[in-house]
């Protein structure tokens, strides 16, 4: 009887482990270091994407920033393929501007 229960538990554990979704890798800088001096040149590709937590953290890492601030409702600038956002640099913080639909419309350092 106990052998049957142990086999059932082992089978159930194996099935549940097989159903687990893929693990999402953590956000890591390509060179392994974050300098702490913001520069938006490598992060401008995020403009136009949804400002999800993953996208915001990836932009922070790509810009070498220690901090990130998301400013909601900044509809003054619209960046994209037709109107690219200028690259800026300086300071430890990346500021990301979002539009009405939570899409990233711009970014700058400081």
Foldseek 3Di string as FASTA:
>chain_A
DVVVVVVVVVVVVVVVVVPDDDDDDDQAAPVRAQPLKFKQPQLQVQAQPAPDVVNQVNSLSRRSAPEEAEDEAPPPAAADPVRGEDIEIGGRYKYFYAHDVRGTGYIYHD
